[in-house]
N, C-alpha and C. Protein backbone atom coordinates (compact mmCIF):
# COMPACT_ATOMS: atom_id res chain seq x y z
N MET A 1 34.27 -57.48 28.92
CA MET A 1 34.30 -57.35 30.20
C MET A 1 34.93 -55.97 30.70
N THR A 2 34.33 -55.73 31.82
CA THR A 2 34.69 -54.24 32.00
C THR A 2 35.83 -54.47 32.97
N VAL A 3 37.02 -53.62 33.34
CA VAL A 3 37.88 -53.38 34.37
C VAL A 3 37.56 -54.15 35.61
N ARG A 4 36.51 -53.77 36.14
CA ARG A 4 36.28 -54.18 37.38
C ARG A 4 36.07 -55.82 37.49
N GLN A 5 35.46 -56.22 36.10
CA GLN A 5 34.98 -57.60 36.13
C GLN A 5 36.28 -58.52 36.09
N LEU A 6 37.12 -57.76 35.20
CA LEU A 6 38.50 -58.55 35.01
C LEU A 6 39.42 -58.65 36.19
N LEU A 7 39.57 -57.37 36.97
CA LEU A 7 40.19 -57.57 38.07
C LEU A 7 39.90 -58.61 39.23
N ALA A 8 38.41 -58.74 39.45
CA ALA A 8 37.72 -59.73 40.14
C ALA A 8 38.03 -61.13 40.10
N VAL A 9 38.34 -61.52 38.50
CA VAL A 9 38.43 -62.70 38.04
C VAL A 9 40.16 -63.07 37.93
N THR A 10 40.89 -62.06 38.01
CA THR A 10 42.54 -62.06 37.50
C THR A 10 43.11 -61.62 38.71
N GLY A 11 44.02 -62.49 39.03
CA GLY A 11 45.01 -62.54 40.27
C GLY A 11 46.01 -61.32 39.74
N SER A 12 46.97 -60.81 40.62
CA SER A 12 47.96 -59.99 40.31
C SER A 12 49.13 -60.51 39.74
N ALA A 13 49.29 -61.98 40.04
CA ALA A 13 50.19 -62.83 39.44
C ALA A 13 50.05 -63.17 38.01
N GLU A 14 48.77 -63.34 37.32
CA GLU A 14 48.42 -63.58 36.14
C GLU A 14 48.80 -62.01 35.24
N LEU A 15 48.22 -61.19 35.90
CA LEU A 15 48.44 -59.65 35.29
C LEU A 15 50.06 -59.41 35.52
N ALA A 16 50.64 -59.87 35.98
CA ALA A 16 52.30 -59.69 36.16
C ALA A 16 52.73 -60.50 34.75
N GLU A 17 52.04 -61.97 34.83
CA GLU A 17 52.58 -62.62 33.60
C GLU A 17 52.39 -61.99 32.00
N TRP A 18 51.28 -61.29 32.00
CA TRP A 18 50.74 -60.43 30.73
C TRP A 18 51.56 -59.81 30.64
N ARG A 19 51.95 -58.73 31.66
CA ARG A 19 52.84 -57.43 31.55
C ARG A 19 54.20 -58.04 30.94
N ALA A 20 54.94 -59.30 31.43
CA ALA A 20 56.07 -59.60 31.19
C ALA A 20 55.97 -60.30 29.53
N TYR A 21 54.63 -60.95 29.06
CA TYR A 21 54.54 -61.29 27.92
C TYR A 21 54.61 -60.09 26.88
N GLU A 22 53.83 -58.76 27.37
CA GLU A 22 54.02 -57.77 26.52
C GLU A 22 55.14 -57.16 26.33
N GLN A 23 56.10 -57.37 27.57
CA GLN A 23 57.55 -56.96 27.27
C GLN A 23 58.40 -57.54 26.48
N ILE A 24 58.04 -58.75 26.24
CA ILE A 24 58.69 -59.81 25.13
C ILE A 24 58.20 -59.51 23.86
N SER A 25 56.92 -59.52 23.79
CA SER A 25 56.17 -59.74 22.19
C SER A 25 55.91 -58.50 21.62
N GLY A 26 55.85 -57.48 22.42
CA GLY A 26 55.47 -55.93 22.25
C GLY A 26 54.24 -55.74 22.62
N PRO A 27 53.56 -54.38 22.42
CA PRO A 27 52.45 -53.62 23.13
C PRO A 27 51.24 -54.59 22.48
N LEU A 28 49.97 -54.90 23.40
CA LEU A 28 48.90 -55.56 22.87
C LEU A 28 47.88 -54.54 22.87
N GLY A 29 46.85 -54.84 22.05
CA GLY A 29 45.81 -53.85 21.79
C GLY A 29 46.25 -52.59 21.08
N GLY A 30 45.52 -51.47 21.23
CA GLY A 30 45.51 -50.34 20.51
C GLY A 30 46.94 -49.76 20.29
N VAL A 31 47.94 -49.80 21.17
CA VAL A 31 49.08 -49.20 21.20
C VAL A 31 50.18 -50.01 20.19
N ARG A 32 49.76 -51.12 19.86
CA ARG A 32 50.45 -52.10 18.78
C ARG A 32 49.96 -51.15 17.49
N GLY A 33 48.65 -50.82 17.17
CA GLY A 33 48.24 -50.09 16.07
C GLY A 33 48.67 -48.84 15.94
N ASP A 34 48.99 -48.03 16.78
CA ASP A 34 49.79 -46.97 16.66
C ASP A 34 50.98 -47.24 16.41
N VAL A 35 51.91 -48.10 16.72
CA VAL A 35 53.44 -48.40 16.39
C VAL A 35 53.08 -48.64 15.00
N ASN A 36 52.37 -49.46 14.72
CA ASN A 36 52.17 -49.88 13.03
C ASN A 36 52.11 -48.67 12.09
N ALA A 37 50.98 -47.69 12.59
CA ALA A 37 50.72 -46.79 11.83
C ALA A 37 51.99 -45.63 11.77
N ALA A 38 52.58 -45.65 13.10
CA ALA A 38 53.94 -44.70 12.90
C ALA A 38 55.09 -45.22 11.76
N MET A 39 55.32 -46.66 11.89
CA MET A 39 56.20 -47.29 10.89
C MET A 39 55.92 -47.22 9.71
N ILE A 40 54.24 -46.94 9.06
CA ILE A 40 54.05 -46.96 7.86
C ILE A 40 54.24 -45.40 7.30
N SER A 41 53.81 -44.45 8.24
CA SER A 41 54.11 -43.15 8.09
C SER A 41 55.44 -42.77 7.79
N ALA A 42 56.34 -43.29 9.08
CA ALA A 42 57.52 -42.94 8.70
C ALA A 42 58.19 -43.23 7.34
N ALA A 43 57.85 -44.43 7.01
CA ALA A 43 58.31 -44.94 5.59
C ALA A 43 58.18 -44.13 4.72
N ILE A 44 56.51 -43.77 4.72
CA ILE A 44 56.27 -42.95 3.58
C ILE A 44 56.94 -41.56 3.47
N VAL A 45 57.29 -41.07 4.62
CA VAL A 45 58.03 -39.62 4.76
C VAL A 45 59.46 -39.92 4.22
N ALA A 46 59.93 -40.88 4.51
CA ALA A 46 61.41 -41.03 4.09
C ALA A 46 61.68 -41.26 3.08
N VAL A 47 60.83 -42.00 2.18
CA VAL A 47 61.02 -42.10 0.82
C VAL A 47 60.84 -40.88 -0.16
N ASN A 48 59.87 -40.27 0.41
CA ASN A 48 59.75 -38.83 -0.18
C ASN A 48 60.25 -37.59 0.56
N ARG A 49 61.25 -37.58 1.26
CA ARG A 49 61.85 -36.56 1.85
C ARG A 49 63.11 -36.09 0.70
N GLY A 50 63.43 -34.94 0.71
CA GLY A 50 64.07 -34.05 0.04
C GLY A 50 65.76 -34.36 0.29
N LYS A 51 66.67 -34.42 -0.64
CA LYS A 51 67.95 -34.49 -0.16
C LYS A 51 68.42 -33.77 0.99
N GLY A 52 69.17 -34.44 1.90
CA GLY A 52 69.34 -33.39 2.88
C GLY A 52 68.82 -33.44 4.00
N GLN A 53 67.39 -33.80 3.93
CA GLN A 53 66.60 -33.46 5.19
C GLN A 53 66.68 -34.85 5.76
N ARG A 54 66.56 -34.85 7.24
CA ARG A 54 66.69 -36.09 8.08
C ARG A 54 65.35 -36.89 7.97
N ALA A 55 65.86 -38.20 8.15
CA ALA A 55 64.97 -39.10 7.99
C ALA A 55 63.82 -39.27 9.42
N PRO A 56 62.71 -39.23 9.27
CA PRO A 56 62.09 -39.54 10.49
C PRO A 56 61.96 -40.49 11.31
N THR A 57 61.61 -40.23 12.51
CA THR A 57 61.80 -41.74 13.52
C THR A 57 60.39 -42.06 13.67
N LEU A 58 60.23 -43.21 14.56
CA LEU A 58 58.87 -43.63 14.78
C LEU A 58 58.22 -42.45 15.97
N ALA A 59 59.13 -41.78 16.72
CA ALA A 59 58.89 -41.17 17.57
C ALA A 59 58.11 -40.05 17.27
N ASP A 60 58.14 -39.53 16.07
CA ASP A 60 57.80 -38.23 15.48
C ASP A 60 56.40 -38.58 14.87
N PHE A 61 55.92 -39.79 14.90
CA PHE A 61 54.52 -40.31 14.51
C PHE A 61 53.68 -40.86 15.43
N MET A 62 54.17 -41.29 16.59
CA MET A 62 53.68 -41.82 17.82
C MET A 62 52.89 -40.94 18.52
N PRO A 63 51.59 -41.10 18.78
CA PRO A 63 50.90 -40.20 19.37
C PRO A 63 51.13 -40.13 20.62
N ARG A 64 51.11 -38.98 21.62
CA ARG A 64 51.30 -38.76 22.79
C ARG A 64 50.10 -38.61 23.51
N TRP A 65 49.77 -39.77 24.02
CA TRP A 65 48.19 -39.40 25.00
C TRP A 65 48.31 -38.59 25.88
N ASP A 66 49.31 -39.14 26.87
CA ASP A 66 49.46 -38.52 28.41
C ASP A 66 50.42 -37.56 28.12
N ARG A 67 49.74 -36.21 27.91
CA ARG A 67 50.83 -34.84 28.16
C ARG A 67 51.14 -34.28 29.48
N THR A 68 50.80 -35.31 30.64
CA THR A 68 50.88 -34.61 31.71
C THR A 68 52.64 -34.46 31.97
N ARG A 69 52.77 -32.96 32.68
CA ARG A 69 54.05 -33.08 32.81
C ARG A 69 54.33 -33.46 34.43
N VAL A 70 53.29 -33.53 35.15
CA VAL A 70 53.61 -33.58 36.54
C VAL A 70 54.17 -35.02 36.87
N ARG A 71 55.45 -35.33 37.39
CA ARG A 71 55.75 -36.56 37.42
C ARG A 71 55.74 -37.11 38.92
N LYS A 72 55.33 -38.26 39.41
CA LYS A 72 55.06 -38.93 40.36
C LYS A 72 56.06 -39.74 40.89
N THR A 73 56.32 -39.57 42.41
CA THR A 73 57.43 -40.51 42.96
C THR A 73 56.79 -41.74 42.99
N PRO A 74 57.61 -42.72 43.21
CA PRO A 74 57.12 -43.94 43.36
C PRO A 74 56.10 -44.06 44.48
N GLU A 75 56.36 -43.48 45.70
CA GLU A 75 55.32 -43.45 46.67
C GLU A 75 53.94 -43.23 46.42
N GLU A 76 54.00 -41.73 45.55
CA GLU A 76 53.00 -41.39 45.26
C GLU A 76 52.00 -42.44 44.13
N LEU A 77 52.64 -42.69 43.27
CA LEU A 77 52.39 -44.04 42.30
C LEU A 77 51.63 -45.37 43.03
N PHE A 78 52.58 -45.42 44.42
CA PHE A 78 51.85 -46.80 44.90
C PHE A 78 50.56 -46.32 45.77
N LYS A 79 50.82 -45.34 46.17
CA LYS A 79 49.36 -44.82 47.03
C LYS A 79 48.28 -45.02 46.02
N ALA A 80 48.59 -44.10 44.91
CA ALA A 80 47.24 -44.36 43.77
C ALA A 80 46.65 -45.71 43.44
N ALA A 81 47.85 -46.48 43.24
CA ALA A 81 47.49 -48.05 42.99
C ALA A 81 46.74 -48.52 44.02
N LEU A 82 46.96 -48.14 45.48
CA LEU A 82 46.10 -48.70 46.55
C LEU A 82 44.84 -48.12 46.57
N ALA A 83 44.78 -46.91 46.46
CA ALA A 83 43.56 -46.16 46.18
C ALA A 83 42.53 -46.79 45.08
N ALA A 84 42.93 -46.92 43.92
CA ALA A 84 42.48 -47.76 42.78
C ALA A 84 42.10 -49.25 43.20
N ASN A 85 42.74 -49.88 43.73
CA ASN A 85 42.54 -51.11 44.35
C ASN A 85 41.39 -51.40 45.38
N THR A 86 41.36 -50.49 46.43
CA THR A 86 40.47 -49.97 47.10
C THR A 86 38.94 -49.69 46.60
N ALA A 87 38.95 -48.80 45.67
CA ALA A 87 37.81 -48.38 45.03
C ALA A 87 37.40 -49.79 44.17
N LEU A 88 38.11 -50.46 43.91
CA LEU A 88 37.60 -51.83 43.03
C LEU A 88 37.36 -52.79 43.95
N ASN A 89 37.33 -52.58 45.09
CA ASN A 89 37.02 -53.79 46.21
C ASN A 89 38.13 -55.08 46.17
N GLY A 90 39.59 -54.46 45.71
CA GLY A 90 40.46 -55.25 45.68
C GLY A 90 41.21 -55.78 47.08
N GLN A 91 42.06 -56.82 47.04
CA GLN A 91 42.71 -57.11 48.31
C GLN A 91 44.07 -57.00 48.22
N VAL A 92 44.84 -56.62 49.03
CA VAL A 92 46.29 -56.44 49.00
C VAL A 92 46.92 -57.68 49.60
N MET A 93 47.45 -58.49 48.45
CA MET A 93 48.10 -59.72 49.31
C MET A 93 49.57 -59.46 49.28
N THR A 94 50.21 -60.04 50.26
CA THR A 94 51.79 -60.00 50.70
C THR A 94 51.98 -61.68 50.86
N ASN A 95 53.34 -61.62 50.61
CA ASN A 95 53.87 -63.17 50.78
C ASN A 95 54.28 -63.25 52.57
N ASN A 96 53.98 -62.45 53.25
CA ASN A 96 54.31 -62.55 54.68
C ASN A 96 53.21 -63.29 55.28
């Protein structure tokens, strides 16, 4: 299913529920694989390090896919989300 198809049949409430689930159970999809690989790599390096060398952390082995240095304000992020929503023919639903 494409992202467009997913958003056409999935409401924001359900997406929020999946986000909450992910926060409790850990990352879903490819990120979980990155974490698992980082754990294995850190363990291998830790047991093979020399005396006095620091133990590696998971962060040492986690890929950093987004190396963007520009930080956006919440307002800028909201505008980008609205633009993406509009591009996908989404609707803005409020409680008003």
